[in-house]
Amino acid sequence: QVQLVESGGGLVQAGGSLRLSCAAGRFRSMYAVGWFRQAPGKEREFVAAIIWGSAITNYADSVKGRFTIPRHDGRSPVYLQMNSLKPEDTAVYYCAAKTIKGDTWPEWGQGTQVTVSS
């Protein structure tokens, strides 16, 4: 079982930046790490993902050009660099992991709050 711990959330003004970190314990045979978010009253949605130990990434249309997962070196942690933040980015951000290729994300962190003020 992979243990995931997010950090780096906080309060920022619109247009500002934050960097989230996802530390993975017991990360042998990891396949990918993803970032998701859930705003109040809304369903959890996909934000971005990276193949472990690579620069292969995927982003939701709503964050393309603003959020970036830097190239990963095969060691924990995985970062999410968030620039040009908007109030609609306010949510609890979760990292998730999977050890094999597939549609599901079996492992989840506890989440970190990101609040963007207008």
C-alpha atoms as a PDB file:
ATOM      1  CA  GLN A   1       0.000   0.000   0.000  1.00  0.00           C
ATOM      2  CA  VAL A   2       1.288   3.427  -0.949  1.00  0.00           C
ATOM      3  CA  GLN A   3       1.112   6.213   1.628  1.00  0.00           C
ATOM      4  CA  LEU A   4       0.542   9.681   0.206  1.00  0.00           C
ATOM      5  CA  VAL A   5       0.892  12.987   2.044  1.00  0.00           C
ATOM      6  CA  GLU A   6       0.058  16.316   0.402  1.00  0.00           C
ATOM      7  CA  SER A   7       1.376  19.688   1.528  1.00  0.00           C
ATOM      8  CA  GLY A   8       1.724  23.233   0.239  1.00  0.00           C
ATOM      9  CA  GLY A   9      -1.870  24.409   0.258  1.00  0.00           C
ATOM     10  CA  GLY A  10      -2.915  27.768   1.621  1.00  0.00           C
ATOM     11  CA  LEU A  11      -4.556  31.107   0.930  1.00  0.00           C
ATOM     12  CA  VAL A  12      -3.420  33.136  -2.072  1.00  0.00           C
ATOM     13  CA  GLN A  13      -4.754  36.083  -4.035  1.00  0.00           C
ATOM     14  CA  ALA A  14      -6.016  35.672  -7.576  1.00  0.00           C
ATOM     15  CA  GLY A  15      -3.098  35.705  -9.989  1.00  0.00           C
ATOM     16  CA  GLY A  16      -0.762  34.231  -7.414  1.00  0.00           C
ATOM     17  CA  SER A  17       1.050  30.907  -7.290  1.00  0.00           C
ATOM     18  CA  LEU A  18       1.325  27.880  -5.045  1.00  0.00           C
ATOM     19  CA  ARG A  19       3.296  24.663  -5.238  1.00  0.00           C
ATOM     20  CA  LEU A  20       1.756  21.501  -3.895  1.00  0.00           C
ATOM     21  CA  SER A  21       3.826  18.505  -2.922  1.00  0.00           C
ATOM     22  CA  CYS A  22       2.853  14.850  -2.794  1.00  0.00           C
ATOM     23  CA  ALA A  23       5.205  12.652  -0.805  1.00  0.00           C
ATOM     24  CA  ALA A  24       4.830   8.953  -1.426  1.00  0.00           C
ATOM     25  CA  GLY A  25       6.018   6.415   1.099  1.00  0.00           C
ATOM     26  CA  ARG A  26       6.593   2.822  -0.003  1.00  0.00           C
ATOM     27  CA  PHE A  27       6.779   3.935  -3.637  1.00  0.00           C
ATOM     28  CA  ARG A  28       8.219   0.810  -5.140  1.00  0.00           C
ATOM     29  CA  SER A  29       6.654  -0.101  -8.496  1.00  0.00           C
ATOM     30  CA  MET A  30       4.705   3.130  -8.814  1.00  0.00           C
ATOM     31  CA  TYR A  31       3.121   3.759 -12.217  1.00  0.00           C
ATOM     32  CA  ALA A  32       1.611   7.227 -11.979  1.00  0.00           C
ATOM     33  CA  VAL A  33       0.636  10.017  -9.633  1.00  0.00           C
ATOM     34  CA  GLY A  34      -2.349  12.236 -10.231  1.00  0.00           C
ATOM     35  CA  TRP A  35      -3.757  15.409  -8.770  1.00  0.00           C
ATOM     36  CA  PHE A  36      -7.486  15.841  -8.230  1.00  0.00           C
ATOM     37  CA  ARG A  37      -9.574  18.531  -6.569  1.00  0.00           C
ATOM     38  CA  GLN A  38     -12.979  18.879  -4.995  1.00  0.00           C
ATOM     39  CA  ALA A  39     -14.728  22.195  -4.488  1.00  0.00           C
ATOM     40  CA  PRO A  40     -17.630  22.577  -2.042  1.00  0.00           C
ATOM     41  CA  GLY A  41     -20.808  21.108  -3.485  1.00  0.00           C
ATOM     42  CA  LYS A  42     -19.018  19.690  -6.508  1.00  0.00           C
ATOM     43  CA  GLU A  43     -17.708  16.295  -7.515  1.00  0.00           C
ATOM     44  CA  ARG A  44     -14.028  15.520  -7.355  1.00  0.00           C
ATOM     45  CA  GLU A  45     -12.360  16.240 -10.694  1.00  0.00           C
ATOM     46  CA  PHE A  46      -9.108  15.348 -12.382  1.00  0.00           C
ATOM     47  CA  VAL A  47      -6.478  18.092 -12.539  1.00  0.00           C
ATOM     48  CA  ALA A  48      -3.218  16.582 -13.787  1.00  0.00           C
ATOM     49  CA  ALA A  49      -1.108  13.444 -13.741  1.00  0.00           C
ATOM     50  CA  ILE A  50       2.417  12.271 -14.444  1.00  0.00           C
ATOM     51  CA  ILE A  51       3.913   8.886 -15.218  1.00  0.00           C
ATOM     52  CA  TRP A  52       6.289   8.042 -12.381  1.00  0.00           C
ATOM     53  CA  GLY A  53       9.889   8.825 -13.216  1.00  0.00           C
ATOM     54  CA  SER A  54       9.137  10.644 -16.464  1.00  0.00           C
ATOM     55  CA  ALA A  55       8.045  13.906 -18.054  1.00  0.00           C
ATOM     56  CA  ILE A  56       4.861  12.382 -19.497  1.00  0.00           C
ATOM     57  CA  THR A  57       1.983  14.454 -18.198  1.00  0.00           C
ATOM     58  CA  ASN A  58      -1.706  15.034 -18.780  1.00  0.00           C
ATOM     59  CA  TYR A  59      -3.779  18.069 -17.766  1.00  0.00           C
ATOM     60  CA  ALA A  60      -7.414  19.028 -17.519  1.00  0.00           C
ATOM     61  CA  ASP A  61      -8.385  21.725 -20.000  1.00  0.00           C
ATOM     62  CA  SER A  62      -9.273  24.072 -17.144  1.00  0.00           C
ATOM     63  CA  VAL A  63      -5.662  24.193 -15.919  1.00  0.00           C
ATOM     64  CA  LYS A  64      -3.629  23.833 -19.117  1.00  0.00           C
ATOM     65  CA  GLY A  65      -1.079  26.590 -19.429  1.00  0.00           C
ATOM     66  CA  ARG A  66      -1.370  27.488 -15.737  1.00  0.00           C
ATOM     67  CA  PHE A  67      -0.542  24.304 -13.811  1.00  0.00           C
ATOM     68  CA  THR A  68       2.544  22.192 -14.340  1.00  0.00           C
ATOM     69  CA  ILE A  69       3.899  18.949 -12.947  1.00  0.00           C
ATOM     70  CA  PRO A  70       7.695  19.180 -13.292  1.00  0.00           C
ATOM     71  CA  ARG A  71       9.620  16.281 -14.715  1.00  0.00           C
ATOM     72  CA  HIS A  72       9.807  13.528 -12.109  1.00  0.00           C
ATOM     73  CA  ASP A  73      13.078  11.829 -11.254  1.00  0.00           C
ATOM     74  CA  GLY A  74      11.607   8.556  -9.989  1.00  0.00           C
ATOM     75  CA  ARG A  75      11.831   9.550  -6.358  1.00  0.00           C
ATOM     76  CA  SER A  76       9.232  11.128  -4.122  1.00  0.00           C
ATOM     77  CA  PRO A  77       7.784  13.776  -4.068  1.00  0.00           C
ATOM     78  CA  VAL A  78       5.656  14.820  -7.032  1.00  0.00           C
ATOM     79  CA  TYR A  79       4.906  18.519  -7.323  1.00  0.00           C
ATOM     80  CA  LEU A  80       2.044  20.531  -8.788  1.00  0.00           C
ATOM     81  CA  GLN A  81       3.080  24.075  -9.675  1.00  0.00           C
ATOM     82  CA  MET A  82       0.004  26.275  -9.868  1.00  0.00           C
ATOM     83  CA  ASN A  83       0.334  29.714 -11.466  1.00  0.00           C
ATOM     84  CA  SER A  84      -2.192  32.406 -12.391  1.00  0.00           C
ATOM     85  CA  LEU A  85      -4.598  31.051  -9.808  1.00  0.00           C
ATOM     86  CA  LYS A  86      -8.263  31.941 -10.047  1.00  0.00           C
ATOM     87  CA  PRO A  87     -11.001  31.926  -7.406  1.00  0.00           C
ATOM     88  CA  GLU A  88     -12.554  28.940  -9.193  1.00  0.00           C
ATOM     89  CA  ASP A  89      -9.403  26.952  -8.397  1.00  0.00           C
ATOM     90  CA  THR A  90     -10.443  26.986  -4.737  1.00  0.00           C
ATOM     91  CA  ALA A  91     -10.812  23.376  -3.604  1.00  0.00           C
ATOM     92  CA  VAL A  92      -9.308  20.592  -1.571  1.00  0.00           C
ATOM     93  CA  TYR A  93      -6.507  19.123  -3.666  1.00  0.00           C
ATOM     94  CA  TYR A  94      -5.695  15.431  -3.427  1.00  0.00           C
ATOM     95  CA  CYS A  95      -2.886  13.390  -4.831  1.00  0.00           C
ATOM     96  CA  ALA A  96      -3.577   9.852  -5.917  1.00  0.00           C
ATOM     97  CA  ALA A  97      -1.408   7.002  -7.083  1.00  0.00           C
ATOM     98  CA  LYS A  98      -1.582   3.762  -8.967  1.00  0.00           C
ATOM     99  CA  THR A  99       0.952   1.008  -9.314  1.00  0.00           C
ATOM    100  CA  ILE A 100      -0.341  -0.388 -12.607  1.00  0.00           C
ATOM    101  CA  LYS A 101      -1.744   1.131 -15.783  1.00  0.00           C
ATOM    102  CA  GLY A 102      -5.511   1.486 -15.663  1.00  0.00           C
ATOM    103  CA  ASP A 103      -8.454   3.803 -15.095  1.00  0.00           C
ATOM    104  CA  THR A 104      -8.683   3.617 -11.325  1.00  0.00           C
ATOM    105  CA  TRP A 105      -6.644   5.368  -8.651  1.00  0.00           C
ATOM    106  CA  PRO A 106      -6.540   3.078  -5.618  1.00  0.00           C
ATOM    107  CA  GLU A 107      -4.364   5.192  -3.315  1.00  0.00           C
ATOM    108  CA  TRP A 108      -5.273   8.645  -2.006  1.00  0.00           C
ATOM    109  CA  GLY A 109      -3.821  11.264   0.272  1.00  0.00           C
ATOM    110  CA  GLN A 110      -5.756  13.220   2.873  1.00  0.00           C
ATOM    111  CA  GLY A 111      -5.950  16.417   0.820  1.00  0.00           C
ATOM    112  CA  THR A 112      -4.729  19.988   1.214  1.00  0.00           C
ATOM    113  CA  GLN A 113      -6.895  23.106   1.057  1.00  0.00           C
ATOM    114  CA  VAL A 114      -6.228  25.738  -1.596  1.00  0.00           C
ATOM    115  CA  THR A 115      -8.159  28.989  -1.313  1.00  0.00           C
ATOM    116  CA  VAL A 116      -7.871  31.724  -3.933  1.00  0.00           C
ATOM    117  CA  SER A 117      -9.306  35.100  -2.993  1.00  0.00           C
ATOM    118  CA  SER A 118     -10.569  37.577  -5.576  1.00  0.00           C
END
